[in-house]
N, C-alpha and C. Protein backbone atom coordinates (compact mmCIF):
# COMPACT_ATOMS: atom_id res chain seq x y z
N MET A 1 -36.75 25.48 -26.39
CA MET A 1 -35.70 25.63 -25.79
C MET A 1 -34.90 24.65 -26.44
N THR A 2 -33.55 24.76 -27.26
CA THR A 2 -32.78 23.47 -27.50
C THR A 2 -32.86 22.22 -26.77
N ALA A 3 -32.77 21.22 -27.10
CA ALA A 3 -32.42 19.98 -26.03
C ALA A 3 -31.06 19.77 -26.35
N SER A 4 -30.28 18.61 -25.37
CA SER A 4 -29.07 18.48 -24.77
C SER A 4 -28.81 17.57 -25.70
N LEU A 5 -27.84 17.75 -26.45
CA LEU A 5 -26.80 16.29 -27.16
C LEU A 5 -26.93 15.29 -26.75
N LYS A 6 -26.62 15.18 -25.27
CA LYS A 6 -26.99 13.86 -24.50
C LYS A 6 -28.36 12.75 -24.74
N SER A 7 -29.24 13.85 -24.40
CA SER A 7 -30.70 13.57 -25.18
C SER A 7 -31.00 12.57 -26.30
N PHE A 8 -30.10 13.42 -27.07
CA PHE A 8 -30.42 12.84 -28.74
C PHE A 8 -29.39 11.86 -29.13
N LEU A 9 -28.62 11.35 -28.05
CA LEU A 9 -27.25 10.40 -28.35
C LEU A 9 -27.88 8.80 -28.81
N PRO A 10 -29.69 8.37 -28.02
CA PRO A 10 -30.03 7.24 -28.25
C PRO A 10 -30.41 7.10 -29.68
N ILE A 11 -30.79 8.49 -30.63
CA ILE A 11 -31.43 8.58 -31.31
C ILE A 11 -30.39 8.13 -32.91
N LEU A 12 -28.95 9.11 -32.65
CA LEU A 12 -27.94 9.36 -32.95
C LEU A 12 -27.74 7.71 -33.18
N GLY A 13 -27.20 7.06 -31.92
CA GLY A 13 -26.88 6.00 -31.87
C GLY A 13 -27.72 5.23 -32.62
N ALA A 14 -28.64 4.99 -33.11
CA ALA A 14 -29.77 3.82 -33.34
C ALA A 14 -29.31 4.40 -35.06
N ILE A 15 -28.80 5.50 -35.44
CA ILE A 15 -28.77 5.47 -36.83
C ILE A 15 -27.62 5.36 -36.94
N LEU A 16 -26.34 5.64 -36.33
CA LEU A 16 -25.26 5.22 -36.29
C LEU A 16 -24.51 3.87 -36.18
N ASN A 17 -25.25 2.77 -35.23
CA ASN A 17 -25.29 1.80 -35.06
C ASN A 17 -24.31 1.93 -34.16
N GLU A 18 -24.42 1.96 -32.91
CA GLU A 18 -23.00 2.58 -31.99
C GLU A 18 -23.96 2.55 -30.53
N LYS A 19 -23.87 2.30 -29.42
CA LYS A 19 -24.45 2.62 -28.37
C LYS A 19 -24.08 4.04 -28.28
N ALA A 20 -25.21 4.75 -27.40
CA ALA A 20 -25.14 5.92 -26.88
C ALA A 20 -24.24 6.11 -25.42
N ASP A 21 -24.14 5.29 -24.96
CA ASP A 21 -22.74 5.60 -23.88
C ASP A 21 -21.66 5.62 -24.53
N THR A 22 -21.37 5.15 -25.43
CA THR A 22 -19.93 5.41 -26.00
C THR A 22 -19.86 7.03 -26.81
N LEU A 23 -21.61 7.15 -27.60
CA LEU A 23 -20.76 8.15 -28.13
C LEU A 23 -20.91 9.57 -26.92
N TYR A 24 -21.58 9.29 -26.27
CA TYR A 24 -21.37 10.19 -24.65
C TYR A 24 -20.01 10.35 -24.34
N GLU A 25 -19.21 9.00 -24.32
CA GLU A 25 -17.80 9.24 -24.20
C GLU A 25 -17.11 9.85 -24.92
N ARG A 26 -17.36 9.91 -25.94
CA ARG A 26 -16.45 10.72 -27.40
C ARG A 26 -17.45 12.34 -26.90
N GLN A 27 -18.59 12.52 -26.88
CA GLN A 27 -18.66 13.67 -27.00
C GLN A 27 -17.77 14.50 -25.20
N ARG A 28 -18.13 13.71 -24.30
CA ARG A 28 -16.84 14.29 -23.27
C ARG A 28 -15.77 14.55 -23.82
N ALA A 29 -15.19 13.56 -23.94
CA ALA A 29 -13.68 14.08 -24.90
C ALA A 29 -13.67 15.12 -25.33
N LEU A 30 -14.68 15.40 -26.24
CA LEU A 30 -14.93 16.56 -27.36
C LEU A 30 -14.56 18.01 -26.45
N VAL A 31 -15.72 17.96 -25.60
CA VAL A 31 -15.73 18.83 -24.67
C VAL A 31 -14.59 19.21 -23.44
N ARG A 32 -13.86 18.23 -23.36
CA ARG A 32 -12.55 18.55 -22.42
C ARG A 32 -11.63 19.15 -23.26
N GLU A 33 -11.45 18.75 -24.72
CA GLU A 33 -11.14 19.42 -25.46
C GLU A 33 -11.37 21.33 -26.51
N GLY A 34 -12.35 21.53 -25.56
CA GLY A 34 -13.44 22.38 -26.42
C GLY A 34 -13.48 22.54 -27.41
N LEU A 35 -14.16 21.45 -27.90
CA LEU A 35 -14.60 21.18 -29.46
C LEU A 35 -15.96 21.20 -29.87
N LEU A 36 -16.44 21.03 -28.22
CA LEU A 36 -18.35 21.00 -27.86
C LEU A 36 -17.92 21.98 -26.61
N GLU A 37 -18.59 22.83 -26.43
CA GLU A 37 -19.28 24.32 -25.73
C GLU A 37 -20.28 23.12 -24.74
N SER A 38 -19.89 22.88 -23.51
CA SER A 38 -20.85 22.90 -22.55
C SER A 38 -21.86 23.77 -21.45
N LEU A 39 -22.99 23.99 -21.74
CA LEU A 39 -23.42 25.35 -20.75
C LEU A 39 -23.53 24.58 -19.02
N PRO A 40 -23.19 24.83 -18.28
CA PRO A 40 -22.94 25.10 -17.09
C PRO A 40 -24.21 24.70 -16.38
N GLY A 41 -24.33 24.12 -15.41
CA GLY A 41 -25.84 23.57 -14.53
C GLY A 41 -26.25 22.29 -14.53
N ARG A 42 -27.36 21.94 -14.02
CA ARG A 42 -27.87 20.78 -14.18
C ARG A 42 -29.62 20.65 -14.81
N GLY A 43 -29.93 20.11 -15.77
CA GLY A 43 -31.26 20.14 -16.50
C GLY A 43 -31.14 20.40 -17.57
N ARG A 44 -32.36 21.27 -17.87
CA ARG A 44 -32.92 21.41 -19.16
C ARG A 44 -32.10 23.04 -19.78
N GLY A 45 -31.29 23.40 -20.72
CA GLY A 45 -30.74 24.35 -20.78
C GLY A 45 -29.35 24.36 -20.51
N SER A 46 -28.82 23.28 -19.71
CA SER A 46 -27.67 23.01 -19.29
C SER A 46 -26.84 21.58 -20.24
N GLY A 47 -25.42 21.70 -20.72
CA GLY A 47 -24.70 21.18 -21.50
C GLY A 47 -24.68 21.00 -22.76
N VAL A 48 -24.38 20.36 -23.79
CA VAL A 48 -24.03 20.88 -24.79
C VAL A 48 -25.67 20.18 -25.73
N GLN A 49 -25.64 21.49 -26.08
CA GLN A 49 -27.39 21.79 -26.81
C GLN A 49 -27.00 20.81 -28.06
N THR A 50 -27.91 20.32 -28.85
CA THR A 50 -28.36 20.18 -29.84
C THR A 50 -28.16 20.96 -30.87
N THR A 51 -26.87 21.39 -31.79
CA THR A 51 -27.51 22.22 -32.93
C THR A 51 -26.50 21.30 -34.23
N ALA A 52 -27.30 21.83 -35.48
CA ALA A 52 -26.64 21.19 -36.22
C ALA A 52 -25.00 20.61 -36.42
N GLU A 53 -24.15 22.04 -36.01
CA GLU A 53 -23.11 22.22 -35.44
C GLU A 53 -22.39 21.72 -34.35
N ASN A 54 -23.51 21.23 -33.58
CA ASN A 54 -22.72 20.44 -32.68
C ASN A 54 -22.72 18.75 -33.10
N VAL A 55 -23.76 18.42 -33.72
CA VAL A 55 -24.05 16.95 -34.01
C VAL A 55 -22.81 16.69 -35.25
N ALA A 56 -22.92 17.83 -36.27
CA ALA A 56 -21.45 17.37 -37.21
C ALA A 56 -20.15 17.68 -36.97
N ILE A 57 -19.89 17.85 -35.22
CA ILE A 57 -19.30 17.99 -35.21
C ILE A 57 -18.72 16.26 -34.13
N LEU A 58 -19.77 15.39 -34.06
CA LEU A 58 -20.07 14.61 -32.58
C LEU A 58 -19.51 13.93 -33.93
N VAL A 59 -20.40 13.81 -35.58
CA VAL A 59 -20.46 12.62 -36.30
C VAL A 59 -19.21 13.01 -36.82
N ILE A 60 -18.61 14.56 -37.12
CA ILE A 60 -17.00 14.10 -37.56
C ILE A 60 -16.16 13.72 -36.66
N GLY A 61 -16.07 13.64 -35.72
CA GLY A 61 -15.69 12.70 -34.18
C GLY A 61 -15.91 11.45 -34.68
N MET A 62 -16.55 10.72 -34.92
CA MET A 62 -16.88 9.41 -35.27
C MET A 62 -16.27 9.03 -36.77
N LEU A 63 -15.95 9.40 -37.52
CA LEU A 63 -15.15 9.59 -38.74
C LEU A 63 -13.89 9.90 -38.59
N ALA A 64 -13.38 10.57 -37.56
CA ALA A 64 -12.15 10.48 -37.44
C ALA A 64 -11.20 9.60 -36.75
N SER A 65 -12.18 9.18 -36.33
CA SER A 65 -11.32 7.93 -35.15
C SER A 65 -11.94 6.83 -34.74
N VAL A 66 -11.58 5.66 -34.43
CA VAL A 66 -11.62 4.48 -34.07
C VAL A 66 -11.63 4.38 -32.52
N THR A 67 -10.45 4.97 -32.51
CA THR A 67 -10.42 5.36 -31.06
C THR A 67 -10.85 6.53 -30.19
N LEU A 68 -11.45 6.08 -28.96
CA LEU A 68 -11.68 7.33 -28.11
C LEU A 68 -10.45 8.19 -27.74
N ALA A 69 -9.05 7.67 -27.71
CA ALA A 69 -7.78 8.12 -27.68
C ALA A 69 -7.53 9.09 -28.73
N ASP A 70 -7.67 8.78 -29.73
CA ASP A 70 -7.55 9.66 -30.67
C ASP A 70 -8.08 11.06 -31.15
N ALA A 71 -9.58 10.89 -30.31
CA ALA A 71 -11.02 11.41 -30.78
C ALA A 71 -10.60 12.77 -31.01
N ALA A 72 -10.08 13.62 -29.72
CA ALA A 72 -9.93 15.24 -29.99
C ALA A 72 -8.97 15.93 -30.95
N SER A 73 -8.06 14.76 -30.63
CA SER A 73 -7.06 15.52 -31.83
C SER A 73 -6.80 14.85 -33.23
N ALA A 74 -8.00 14.16 -33.81
CA ALA A 74 -7.91 13.63 -34.71
C ALA A 74 -9.76 14.53 -35.66
N THR A 75 -10.69 14.70 -34.31
CA THR A 75 -11.70 15.64 -34.75
C THR A 75 -10.85 16.87 -35.10
N ARG A 76 -10.44 17.50 -34.29
CA ARG A 76 -9.49 19.38 -33.96
C ARG A 76 -9.36 19.27 -35.63
N ALA A 77 -8.18 18.59 -36.33
CA ALA A 77 -7.44 18.63 -37.48
C ALA A 77 -9.15 18.12 -38.84
N LEU A 78 -9.44 18.06 -38.64
CA LEU A 78 -10.85 17.52 -39.72
C LEU A 78 -11.73 18.97 -39.68
N ILE A 79 -12.38 19.09 -38.19
CA ILE A 79 -13.23 20.07 -38.37
C ILE A 79 -12.47 21.55 -39.25
N GLY A 80 -11.25 21.71 -38.92
CA GLY A 80 -10.86 23.03 -39.30
C GLY A 80 -10.10 22.74 -40.82
N ALA A 81 -10.67 21.12 -41.09
CA ALA A 81 -10.05 21.12 -42.74
C ALA A 81 -10.52 21.24 -43.85
N ALA A 82 -9.41 22.35 -44.55
CA ALA A 82 -10.02 23.03 -45.68
C ALA A 82 -10.23 22.46 -46.61
N ILE A 83 -11.16 23.09 -47.38
CA ILE A 83 -11.68 22.92 -48.64
C ILE A 83 -10.80 23.35 -50.35
N GLU A 84 -10.39 22.30 -50.97
CA GLU A 84 -9.53 22.89 -52.06
C GLU A 84 -10.03 23.57 -53.51
N GLY A 85 -9.88 24.95 -53.92
CA GLY A 85 -10.55 25.21 -54.70
C GLY A 85 -11.57 26.01 -54.38
N GLY A 86 -11.71 26.42 -53.53
CA GLY A 86 -12.88 27.34 -53.08
C GLY A 86 -14.29 26.83 -52.12
N PRO A 87 -15.18 27.44 -52.25
CA PRO A 87 -16.25 27.44 -51.24
C PRO A 87 -16.70 25.83 -52.06
N CYS A 88 -17.25 24.56 -51.04
CA CYS A 88 -17.82 23.91 -51.47
C CYS A 88 -19.12 24.10 -52.52
N PRO A 89 -19.10 23.50 -53.66
CA PRO A 89 -20.32 23.60 -53.97
C PRO A 89 -21.33 23.41 -54.18
N LEU A 90 -21.72 22.61 -52.92
CA LEU A 90 -22.88 21.64 -52.52
C LEU A 90 -23.16 22.76 -51.50
N THR A 91 -22.45 23.24 -50.10
CA THR A 91 -23.22 24.27 -49.23
C THR A 91 -22.38 25.37 -49.16
N GLY A 92 -21.96 25.56 -49.93
CA GLY A 92 -20.98 26.81 -49.94
C GLY A 92 -20.10 27.46 -48.67
N ALA A 93 -19.80 26.17 -48.31
CA ALA A 93 -18.85 26.22 -47.13
C ALA A 93 -17.51 26.10 -47.19
N THR A 94 -16.54 26.58 -46.18
CA THR A 94 -15.47 26.53 -47.06
C THR A 94 -14.27 25.67 -46.30
N ASN A 95 -14.75 24.87 -45.53
CA ASN A 95 -14.52 23.89 -44.07
C ASN A 95 -15.59 22.93 -43.65
N PHE A 96 -14.64 21.49 -43.76
CA PHE A 96 -15.46 20.22 -43.22
C PHE A 96 -16.76 20.44 -42.13
N LYS A 97 -16.17 21.06 -41.37
CA LYS A 97 -17.38 21.25 -39.94
C LYS A 97 -18.63 22.04 -40.72
N ASP A 98 -18.29 23.19 -41.39
CA ASP A 98 -19.74 23.72 -41.42
C ASP A 98 -20.38 23.42 -42.89
N ALA A 99 -19.48 22.64 -43.52
CA ALA A 99 -20.14 21.73 -44.89
C ALA A 99 -21.22 20.65 -44.14
N VAL A 100 -20.85 19.66 -43.47
CA VAL A 100 -21.01 18.54 -42.65
C VAL A 100 -22.48 19.42 -41.74
N ALA A 101 -22.47 20.33 -41.48
CA ALA A 101 -23.61 21.17 -40.24
C ALA A 101 -24.93 21.54 -41.72
N TRP A 102 -24.10 22.31 -42.66
CA TRP A 102 -24.91 22.64 -43.73
C TRP A 102 -25.93 21.26 -44.07
N ILE A 103 -25.55 19.90 -44.22
CA ILE A 103 -25.80 19.03 -45.05
C ILE A 103 -26.64 18.39 -44.00
N LEU A 104 -26.78 18.40 -42.51
CA LEU A 104 -27.22 17.60 -41.51
C LEU A 104 -28.49 18.72 -41.28
N SER A 105 -28.34 20.00 -42.04
CA SER A 105 -29.57 21.15 -41.24
C SER A 105 -30.67 21.02 -42.57
N ASP A 106 -30.17 20.78 -43.93
CA ASP A 106 -31.18 20.98 -44.65
C ASP A 106 -30.92 19.54 -45.81
N PRO A 107 -32.31 19.08 -45.12
CA PRO A 107 -32.38 17.35 -46.25
C PRO A 107 -33.15 17.99 -47.40
N LYS A 108 -32.68 19.13 -48.03
CA LYS A 108 -32.79 18.60 -49.46
C LYS A 108 -31.55 18.60 -50.04
N ILE A 109 -30.38 19.56 -49.09
CA ILE A 109 -29.01 18.97 -49.54
C ILE A 109 -28.44 17.53 -49.59
N SER A 110 -29.38 17.39 -48.36
CA SER A 110 -28.27 16.06 -47.45
C SER A 110 -28.88 14.39 -48.59
N LYS A 111 -30.19 14.90 -49.33
CA LYS A 111 -30.84 13.89 -50.55
C LYS A 111 -29.40 13.90 -51.44
N ARG A 112 -28.80 14.68 -51.50
CA ARG A 112 -27.76 14.97 -52.61
C ARG A 112 -27.01 14.43 -52.45
N VAL A 113 -25.91 14.07 -51.33
CA VAL A 113 -24.98 13.85 -50.77
C VAL A 113 -25.03 12.22 -51.04
N ARG A 114 -23.86 11.39 -51.99
CA ARG A 114 -23.54 10.17 -52.53
C ARG A 114 -23.12 9.92 -50.32
N GLU A 115 -21.84 10.69 -50.40
CA GLU A 115 -21.42 10.14 -48.93
C GLU A 115 -20.58 11.28 -48.73
N ILE A 116 -19.84 10.46 -47.54
CA ILE A 116 -19.18 11.38 -46.59
C ILE A 116 -18.02 10.51 -46.09
N ARG A 117 -16.80 10.95 -46.99
CA ARG A 117 -15.64 9.76 -46.78
C ARG A 117 -14.70 10.58 -46.15
N VAL A 118 -13.69 10.10 -45.11
CA VAL A 118 -13.13 10.47 -44.22
C VAL A 118 -11.42 9.82 -44.59
N VAL A 119 -10.29 9.95 -44.74
CA VAL A 119 -9.49 9.21 -44.74
C VAL A 119 -8.55 9.49 -43.46
N VAL A 120 -8.92 8.66 -42.75
CA VAL A 120 -8.01 9.18 -41.38
C VAL A 120 -6.53 9.13 -41.31
N THR A 121 -5.62 8.44 -41.79
CA THR A 121 -4.64 8.63 -41.97
C THR A 121 -4.27 9.85 -42.67
N HIS A 122 -4.73 9.75 -43.74
CA HIS A 122 -4.06 11.44 -44.28
C HIS A 122 -4.77 12.53 -43.56
N GLY A 123 -5.80 13.09 -43.06
CA GLY A 123 -6.33 13.96 -42.61
C GLY A 123 -7.20 14.86 -43.80
N THR A 124 -8.20 13.93 -45.02
CA THR A 124 -8.48 14.65 -45.42
C THR A 124 -10.12 14.02 -46.07
N ALA A 125 -10.91 14.36 -45.93
CA ALA A 125 -12.53 14.26 -46.06
C ALA A 125 -12.85 14.69 -47.86
N THR A 126 -13.64 13.87 -48.05
CA THR A 126 -14.52 14.19 -49.52
C THR A 126 -15.86 14.48 -49.20
N ILE A 127 -16.92 15.26 -49.52
CA ILE A 127 -18.22 14.82 -49.56
C ILE A 127 -18.50 14.98 -51.21
N GLY A 128 -19.00 13.18 -51.41
CA GLY A 128 -19.35 12.67 -53.16
C GLY A 128 -20.71 13.19 -53.01
N PHE A 129 -21.17 13.91 -54.09
CA PHE A 129 -22.77 14.36 -54.18
C PHE A 129 -22.66 14.52 -56.00
N GLU A 130 -24.04 14.21 -56.43
CA GLU A 130 -24.21 13.55 -57.52
C GLU A 130 -22.65 13.38 -58.18
N ARG A 131 -22.48 13.86 -59.18
CA ARG A 131 -21.22 13.38 -59.73
C ARG A 131 -20.02 13.78 -59.86
N ARG A 132 -20.07 14.81 -58.35
CA ARG A 132 -18.84 15.70 -57.92
C ARG A 132 -18.57 15.17 -56.63
N GLN A 133 -17.41 15.76 -56.18
CA GLN A 133 -17.16 15.59 -54.91
C GLN A 133 -16.30 16.91 -54.28
N SER A 134 -16.54 17.01 -53.09
CA SER A 134 -15.82 18.08 -52.48
C SER A 134 -14.52 17.84 -51.93
N THR A 135 -13.19 18.22 -52.22
CA THR A 135 -12.49 17.74 -50.57
C THR A 135 -11.84 18.38 -49.85
N PHE A 136 -11.40 18.01 -48.71
CA PHE A 136 -11.30 18.84 -47.43
C PHE A 136 -10.02 18.17 -47.01
N ARG A 137 -8.91 19.30 -46.54
CA ARG A 137 -7.74 18.65 -46.41
C ARG A 137 -7.15 19.33 -44.95
N GLY A 138 -7.08 18.33 -44.15
CA GLY A 138 -6.13 19.26 -42.62
C GLY A 138 -4.79 19.45 -42.64
N LYS A 139 -4.46 20.08 -41.88
CA LYS A 139 -3.25 20.29 -42.31
C LYS A 139 -2.14 19.48 -41.61
N ASP A 140 -1.09 19.19 -42.64
CA ASP A 140 -0.43 17.95 -42.12
C ASP A 140 0.53 17.73 -40.68
N ALA A 141 0.43 18.63 -40.41
CA ALA A 141 2.04 19.51 -39.22
C ALA A 141 1.00 19.09 -37.70
N THR A 142 -0.61 18.67 -38.25
CA THR A 142 -1.63 18.91 -37.12
C THR A 142 -0.72 17.70 -36.06
N ARG A 143 -0.15 18.09 -34.90
CA ARG A 143 0.58 17.15 -33.76
C ARG A 143 1.43 15.41 -34.43
N GLY A 144 1.44 15.94 -35.89
CA GLY A 144 2.24 14.32 -35.81
C GLY A 144 1.16 13.25 -36.25
N LEU A 145 0.04 13.47 -36.31
CA LEU A 145 -1.23 12.89 -36.59
C LEU A 145 -1.01 12.30 -37.85
N TYR A 146 -1.31 12.95 -38.82
CA TYR A 146 -0.89 12.19 -40.22
C TYR A 146 0.55 12.15 -40.91
N ARG A 147 0.84 10.92 -40.89
CA ARG A 147 2.51 11.07 -41.97
C ARG A 147 2.42 10.82 -43.26
N LYS A 148 3.36 11.16 -43.74
CA LYS A 148 3.81 11.18 -45.30
C LYS A 148 4.01 10.14 -45.58
N GLY A 149 3.62 9.54 -46.56
CA GLY A 149 4.12 8.20 -47.49
C GLY A 149 3.12 7.18 -47.55
N ASP A 150 4.04 5.77 -47.44
CA ASP A 150 3.24 5.06 -47.67
C ASP A 150 2.75 4.35 -46.65
N GLY A 151 1.58 3.50 -46.43
CA GLY A 151 1.33 2.58 -45.41
C GLY A 151 -0.15 2.18 -45.03
N ILE A 152 -0.67 1.94 -44.58
CA ILE A 152 -2.25 1.72 -44.16
C ILE A 152 -3.07 2.77 -44.12
N ASN A 153 -3.52 3.10 -44.74
CA ASN A 153 -5.12 3.79 -45.15
C ASN A 153 -5.62 3.58 -44.55
N MET A 154 -6.45 4.10 -43.90
CA MET A 154 -8.00 3.77 -43.00
C MET A 154 -8.63 4.77 -43.44
N GLU A 155 -9.98 4.58 -44.16
CA GLU A 155 -11.03 5.42 -44.78
C GLU A 155 -12.18 4.89 -43.68
N ILE A 156 -13.09 6.10 -43.66
CA ILE A 156 -14.51 5.49 -42.74
C ILE A 156 -15.11 6.05 -43.53
N ALA A 157 -16.59 6.07 -43.80
CA ALA A 157 -17.55 6.87 -44.66
C ALA A 157 -18.76 6.44 -44.14
N ILE A 158 -20.05 7.48 -44.28
CA ILE A 158 -21.43 7.31 -44.81
C ILE A 158 -22.11 7.58 -45.86
N GLY A 159 -22.46 6.59 -46.53
CA GLY A 159 -23.63 6.51 -47.12
C GLY A 159 -24.59 7.45 -46.68
N SER A 160 -25.31 7.38 -48.22
CA SER A 160 -25.97 8.35 -48.77
C SER A 160 -27.52 8.25 -47.72
N ALA A 161 -28.04 6.92 -47.63
CA ALA A 161 -28.95 6.56 -47.08
C ALA A 161 -28.84 6.91 -44.94
N MET A 162 -27.68 6.85 -44.79
CA MET A 162 -26.98 7.07 -43.56
C MET A 162 -27.18 8.89 -43.11
N VAL A 163 -26.91 9.67 -44.11
CA VAL A 163 -26.52 10.93 -44.29
C VAL A 163 -28.19 11.63 -44.19
N SER A 164 -28.94 10.95 -44.67
CA SER A 164 -30.24 11.38 -44.96
C SER A 164 -31.13 11.04 -43.48
N GLN A 165 -30.98 10.29 -43.02
CA GLN A 165 -31.73 9.54 -41.94
C GLN A 165 -30.81 10.83 -40.70
N LEU A 166 -29.71 11.32 -41.24
CA LEU A 166 -29.21 11.91 -39.76
C LEU A 166 -30.18 13.09 -40.22
N SER A 167 -29.46 13.95 -41.36
CA SER A 167 -30.37 15.11 -41.47
C SER A 167 -32.05 14.98 -41.07
N GLY A 168 -33.00 13.75 -41.30
CA GLY A 168 -34.23 14.18 -40.91
C GLY A 168 -34.11 14.15 -39.27
N ALA A 169 -33.22 13.40 -38.30
CA ALA A 169 -33.08 12.94 -36.75
C ALA A 169 -33.00 14.59 -36.49
N VAL A 170 -32.09 15.45 -37.25
CA VAL A 170 -31.62 16.87 -37.09
C VAL A 170 -32.41 17.63 -36.95
N ASN A 171 -33.40 17.74 -38.04
CA ASN A 171 -34.44 18.60 -38.38
C ASN A 171 -35.57 18.29 -37.52
N ARG A 172 -35.91 17.04 -37.31
CA ARG A 172 -36.87 17.02 -36.26
C ARG A 172 -36.55 17.63 -35.27
N LEU A 173 -36.18 17.06 -34.71
CA LEU A 173 -35.42 17.62 -33.54
C LEU A 173 -35.56 19.16 -33.85
N LEU A 174 -34.69 19.48 -34.16
CA LEU A 174 -34.79 21.36 -34.21
C LEU A 174 -36.29 21.94 -34.26
N ASN A 175 -36.61 21.43 -35.32
CA ASN A 175 -38.15 22.11 -35.40
C ASN A 175 -39.22 21.76 -34.58
N ASP A 176 -38.96 20.80 -33.46
CA ASP A 176 -39.73 20.25 -32.44
C ASP A 176 -39.07 21.21 -31.14
N SER A 177 -38.05 21.36 -31.13
CA SER A 177 -37.32 22.44 -30.16
C SER A 177 -37.42 23.82 -30.48
N THR A 178 -38.58 24.29 -31.47
CA THR A 178 -38.45 25.84 -31.82
C THR A 178 -39.89 26.20 -31.93
N GLU A 179 -40.85 24.94 -31.80
CA GLU A 179 -41.92 25.36 -31.62
C GLU A 179 -42.64 25.48 -30.10
């Protein structure tokens, strides 16, 4: 049986240098917006399940916005961000969420990643790998979230070591739950 995402938050928090309670508040915001599915009930088998896709959505939520107030709308825009020029050559994915989930679920691929970077103010994300990168763009019209023109550009990135740690933790958890 797959563990709940809430039980994985202390591990995720240690990797991201974030408090588990803060991650849980972000998880709850993403559940309220329908971005994460919470199974009804109490105890094992209920709540948000720990899957590579759900961890990817939560990590994208961390990259997408600094504040909890913007977390859901910014995350929604980025998880659906489409790649330019065909599928991602690293993962084969056509959207940012699937690419991040694939990276988190495959340690061999995660070791090839230099960084995952989001330009929050423009709704773009890149996955840098080897000497290449895949660029994903969210819709500019997303509820006025992204403004065109000059201004402050806010970028948030995670480097290769953190990507590798995240992938390792997700894989350990998923392998433990299938045994």
